[in-house]
């Protein structure tokens, strides 16, 4: 799995019909790290002096802002308090 792409992994999984195949937490962490974290870590590290753990927080915020309406509402409220 080290250099396996996500689509290669998908090809190896049994067919679950309309549902995606199950994924272990380790597989999820590996893919999210390789696809999202690796792309964004360099961007954040170059323009800021953030530590790796701060970069992870920033990436999670990016993902949630893009994918979660609930989080966007929560974030707007959070920013009003700041």
N, C-alpha and C. Protein backbone atom coordinates (compact mmCIF):
# COMPACT_ATOMS: atom_id res chain seq x y z
N UNK A 1 0.82 -1.20 0.00
CA UNK A 1 0.00 0.00 0.00
C UNK A 1 0.86 1.26 0.00
N UNK A 2 2.12 1.16 0.26
CA UNK A 2 2.96 2.34 0.41
C UNK A 2 2.85 3.29 -0.76
N UNK A 3 2.98 2.81 -1.99
CA UNK A 3 2.89 3.68 -3.15
C UNK A 3 1.60 3.47 -3.94
N UNK A 4 0.67 2.76 -3.37
CA UNK A 4 -0.59 2.47 -4.04
C UNK A 4 -1.45 3.74 -4.11
N UNK A 5 -1.99 4.01 -5.27
CA UNK A 5 -2.90 5.15 -5.39
C UNK A 5 -4.27 4.77 -4.85
N UNK A 6 -5.09 5.77 -4.60
CA UNK A 6 -6.42 5.49 -4.10
C UNK A 6 -7.23 4.68 -5.11
N UNK A 7 -7.12 5.01 -6.38
CA UNK A 7 -7.88 4.26 -7.39
C UNK A 7 -7.36 2.83 -7.53
N UNK A 8 -6.08 2.60 -7.35
CA UNK A 8 -5.55 1.24 -7.35
C UNK A 8 -6.13 0.47 -6.16
N UNK A 9 -6.20 1.11 -5.02
CA UNK A 9 -6.79 0.48 -3.83
C UNK A 9 -8.25 0.14 -4.10
N UNK A 10 -8.99 1.09 -4.69
CA UNK A 10 -10.40 0.84 -5.00
C UNK A 10 -10.58 -0.35 -5.92
N UNK A 11 -9.72 -0.46 -6.93
CA UNK A 11 -9.81 -1.57 -7.88
C UNK A 11 -9.66 -2.93 -7.20
N UNK A 12 -8.93 -2.99 -6.10
CA UNK A 12 -8.68 -4.25 -5.41
C UNK A 12 -9.80 -4.63 -4.43
N UNK A 13 -10.72 -3.72 -4.17
CA UNK A 13 -11.76 -3.96 -3.18
C UNK A 13 -12.94 -4.69 -3.80
N UNK A 14 -13.66 -5.48 -2.99
CA UNK A 14 -14.86 -6.14 -3.49
C UNK A 14 -15.93 -5.09 -3.84
N UNK A 15 -16.84 -5.47 -4.70
CA UNK A 15 -17.92 -4.56 -5.13
C UNK A 15 -18.99 -4.49 -4.04
N UNK A 16 -19.26 -3.28 -3.57
CA UNK A 16 -20.29 -3.07 -2.55
C UNK A 16 -21.51 -2.38 -3.15
N UNK A 17 -21.68 -2.49 -4.45
CA UNK A 17 -22.83 -1.88 -5.12
C UNK A 17 -22.74 -0.37 -5.08
N UNK A 18 -23.79 0.27 -4.60
CA UNK A 18 -23.84 1.73 -4.56
C UNK A 18 -22.97 2.32 -3.46
N UNK A 19 -22.60 1.50 -2.50
CA UNK A 19 -21.81 1.99 -1.36
C UNK A 19 -20.32 1.82 -1.62
N UNK A 20 -19.50 2.73 -1.08
CA UNK A 20 -18.05 2.55 -1.22
C UNK A 20 -17.56 1.42 -0.32
N UNK A 21 -16.42 0.83 -0.65
CA UNK A 21 -15.90 -0.24 0.20
C UNK A 21 -15.44 0.32 1.55
N UNK A 22 -15.48 -0.50 2.60
CA UNK A 22 -15.02 -0.04 3.90
C UNK A 22 -13.51 0.19 3.88
N UNK A 23 -13.07 1.09 4.75
CA UNK A 23 -11.66 1.44 4.82
C UNK A 23 -11.26 1.48 6.29
N UNK A 24 -10.11 0.94 6.60
CA UNK A 24 -9.63 0.99 7.98
C UNK A 24 -9.18 2.42 8.29
N UNK A 25 -9.05 2.71 9.56
CA UNK A 25 -8.57 4.02 9.99
C UNK A 25 -7.14 4.25 9.49
N UNK A 26 -6.32 3.19 9.53
CA UNK A 26 -4.95 3.31 9.04
C UNK A 26 -4.93 3.65 7.55
N UNK A 27 -5.76 2.98 6.77
CA UNK A 27 -5.82 3.27 5.33
C UNK A 27 -6.26 4.72 5.10
N UNK A 28 -7.27 5.14 5.85
CA UNK A 28 -7.75 6.52 5.73
C UNK A 28 -6.63 7.51 6.03
N UNK A 29 -5.94 7.30 7.15
CA UNK A 29 -4.85 8.21 7.53
C UNK A 29 -3.75 8.23 6.47
N UNK A 30 -3.43 7.05 5.94
CA UNK A 30 -2.39 6.98 4.91
C UNK A 30 -2.79 7.78 3.67
N UNK A 31 -4.02 7.59 3.21
CA UNK A 31 -4.45 8.29 2.00
C UNK A 31 -4.61 9.79 2.23
N UNK A 32 -5.21 10.18 3.33
CA UNK A 32 -5.41 11.61 3.57
C UNK A 32 -4.06 12.29 3.75
N UNK A 33 -3.11 11.59 4.34
CA UNK A 33 -1.77 12.15 4.50
C UNK A 33 -1.11 12.33 3.14
N UNK A 34 -1.17 11.29 2.32
CA UNK A 34 -0.49 11.36 1.03
C UNK A 34 -1.16 12.34 0.07
N UNK A 35 -2.47 12.40 0.08
CA UNK A 35 -3.16 13.24 -0.90
C UNK A 35 -3.34 14.68 -0.43
N UNK A 36 -3.81 14.86 0.78
CA UNK A 36 -4.13 16.22 1.22
C UNK A 36 -3.00 16.86 2.01
N UNK A 37 -2.52 16.14 2.99
CA UNK A 37 -1.51 16.72 3.87
C UNK A 37 -0.22 17.01 3.11
N UNK A 38 0.23 16.08 2.31
CA UNK A 38 1.49 16.30 1.60
C UNK A 38 1.39 17.48 0.64
N UNK A 39 0.24 17.67 0.00
CA UNK A 39 0.06 18.80 -0.91
C UNK A 39 0.06 20.13 -0.16
N UNK A 40 -0.54 20.16 1.01
CA UNK A 40 -0.71 21.41 1.72
C UNK A 40 0.39 21.72 2.73
N UNK A 41 1.07 20.71 3.23
CA UNK A 41 2.11 20.95 4.22
C UNK A 41 3.17 21.88 3.68
N UNK A 42 3.62 21.61 2.48
CA UNK A 42 4.66 22.45 1.89
C UNK A 42 4.16 23.89 1.74
N UNK A 43 2.92 24.05 1.31
CA UNK A 43 2.34 25.38 1.13
C UNK A 43 2.34 26.14 2.44
N UNK A 44 1.84 25.53 3.51
CA UNK A 44 1.76 26.21 4.79
C UNK A 44 3.13 26.44 5.41
N UNK A 45 3.99 25.43 5.29
CA UNK A 45 5.32 25.53 5.91
C UNK A 45 6.16 26.60 5.23
N UNK A 46 6.00 26.78 3.94
CA UNK A 46 6.80 27.77 3.23
C UNK A 46 6.38 29.20 3.55
N UNK A 47 5.09 29.43 3.70
CA UNK A 47 4.62 30.80 3.90
C UNK A 47 4.50 31.18 5.37
N UNK A 48 4.63 30.22 6.26
CA UNK A 48 4.49 30.52 7.68
C UNK A 48 5.57 29.77 8.46
N UNK A 49 5.61 30.04 9.71
CA UNK A 49 6.53 29.31 10.57
C UNK A 49 5.76 28.29 11.41
N UNK A 50 4.68 27.73 10.85
CA UNK A 50 3.87 26.77 11.59
C UNK A 50 4.61 25.46 11.77
N UNK A 51 4.34 24.84 12.90
CA UNK A 51 4.87 23.49 13.14
C UNK A 51 4.01 22.49 12.37
N UNK A 52 4.48 21.25 12.30
CA UNK A 52 3.71 20.22 11.59
C UNK A 52 2.35 20.01 12.23
N UNK A 53 2.26 20.04 13.55
CA UNK A 53 0.98 19.84 14.22
C UNK A 53 0.03 21.02 13.94
N UNK A 54 0.57 22.22 13.81
CA UNK A 54 -0.27 23.37 13.45
C UNK A 54 -0.75 23.26 12.00
N UNK A 55 0.09 22.73 11.15
CA UNK A 55 -0.30 22.52 9.75
C UNK A 55 -1.46 21.52 9.69
N UNK A 56 -1.41 20.47 10.50
CA UNK A 56 -2.51 19.50 10.52
C UNK A 56 -3.82 20.16 10.93
N UNK A 57 -3.76 21.05 11.92
CA UNK A 57 -4.97 21.77 12.35
C UNK A 57 -5.50 22.63 11.21
N UNK A 58 -4.61 23.31 10.51
CA UNK A 58 -5.00 24.15 9.38
C UNK A 58 -5.63 23.33 8.26
N UNK A 59 -5.07 22.16 8.00
CA UNK A 59 -5.60 21.29 6.95
C UNK A 59 -6.98 20.78 7.32
N UNK A 60 -7.17 20.38 8.57
CA UNK A 60 -8.49 19.93 9.01
C UNK A 60 -9.50 21.05 8.85
N UNK A 61 -9.12 22.25 9.21
CA UNK A 61 -10.01 23.39 9.06
C UNK A 61 -10.36 23.59 7.58
N UNK A 62 -9.39 23.48 6.69
CA UNK A 62 -9.64 23.59 5.25
C UNK A 62 -10.65 22.56 4.78
N UNK A 63 -10.45 21.31 5.20
CA UNK A 63 -11.35 20.23 4.78
C UNK A 63 -12.76 20.50 5.30
N UNK A 64 -12.88 20.86 6.57
CA UNK A 64 -14.20 21.09 7.15
C UNK A 64 -14.89 22.29 6.53
N UNK A 65 -14.16 23.35 6.27
CA UNK A 65 -14.76 24.53 5.63
C UNK A 65 -15.29 24.19 4.24
N UNK A 66 -14.63 23.30 3.56
CA UNK A 66 -15.04 22.92 2.21
C UNK A 66 -16.20 21.93 2.23
N UNK A 67 -16.21 21.03 3.21
CA UNK A 67 -17.12 19.89 3.17
C UNK A 67 -18.27 19.91 4.17
N UNK A 68 -18.28 20.83 5.12
CA UNK A 68 -19.28 20.74 6.19
C UNK A 68 -20.00 22.07 6.42
N UNK A 69 -21.27 22.09 6.09
CA UNK A 69 -22.08 23.28 6.35
C UNK A 69 -22.19 23.53 7.85
N UNK A 70 -22.33 22.45 8.63
CA UNK A 70 -22.40 22.58 10.09
C UNK A 70 -21.15 23.28 10.62
N UNK A 71 -19.97 22.85 10.13
CA UNK A 71 -18.74 23.48 10.57
C UNK A 71 -18.67 24.93 10.11
N UNK A 72 -19.10 25.24 8.91
CA UNK A 72 -19.05 26.64 8.44
C UNK A 72 -19.88 27.55 9.34
N UNK A 73 -21.05 27.08 9.78
CA UNK A 73 -21.85 27.88 10.72
C UNK A 73 -21.10 28.05 12.04
N UNK A 74 -20.56 26.94 12.53
CA UNK A 74 -19.80 26.98 13.78
C UNK A 74 -18.60 27.93 13.64
N UNK A 75 -17.91 27.89 12.51
CA UNK A 75 -16.73 28.72 12.27
C UNK A 75 -17.10 30.21 12.25
N UNK A 76 -18.22 30.54 11.60
CA UNK A 76 -18.66 31.94 11.58
C UNK A 76 -18.92 32.45 12.99
N UNK A 77 -19.54 31.63 13.82
CA UNK A 77 -19.79 32.01 15.22
C UNK A 77 -18.47 32.14 15.97
N UNK A 78 -17.56 31.25 15.73
CA UNK A 78 -16.25 31.30 16.37
C UNK A 78 -15.53 32.60 16.00
N UNK A 79 -15.55 32.97 14.73
CA UNK A 79 -14.87 34.17 14.29
C UNK A 79 -15.50 35.45 14.86
N UNK A 80 -16.81 35.42 15.07
CA UNK A 80 -17.48 36.58 15.69
C UNK A 80 -16.99 36.79 17.13
N UNK A 81 -16.67 35.70 17.81
CA UNK A 81 -16.19 35.80 19.19
C UNK A 81 -14.75 36.28 19.28
N UNK A 82 -14.01 36.17 18.23
CA UNK A 82 -12.58 36.53 18.23
C UNK A 82 -12.35 37.99 17.96
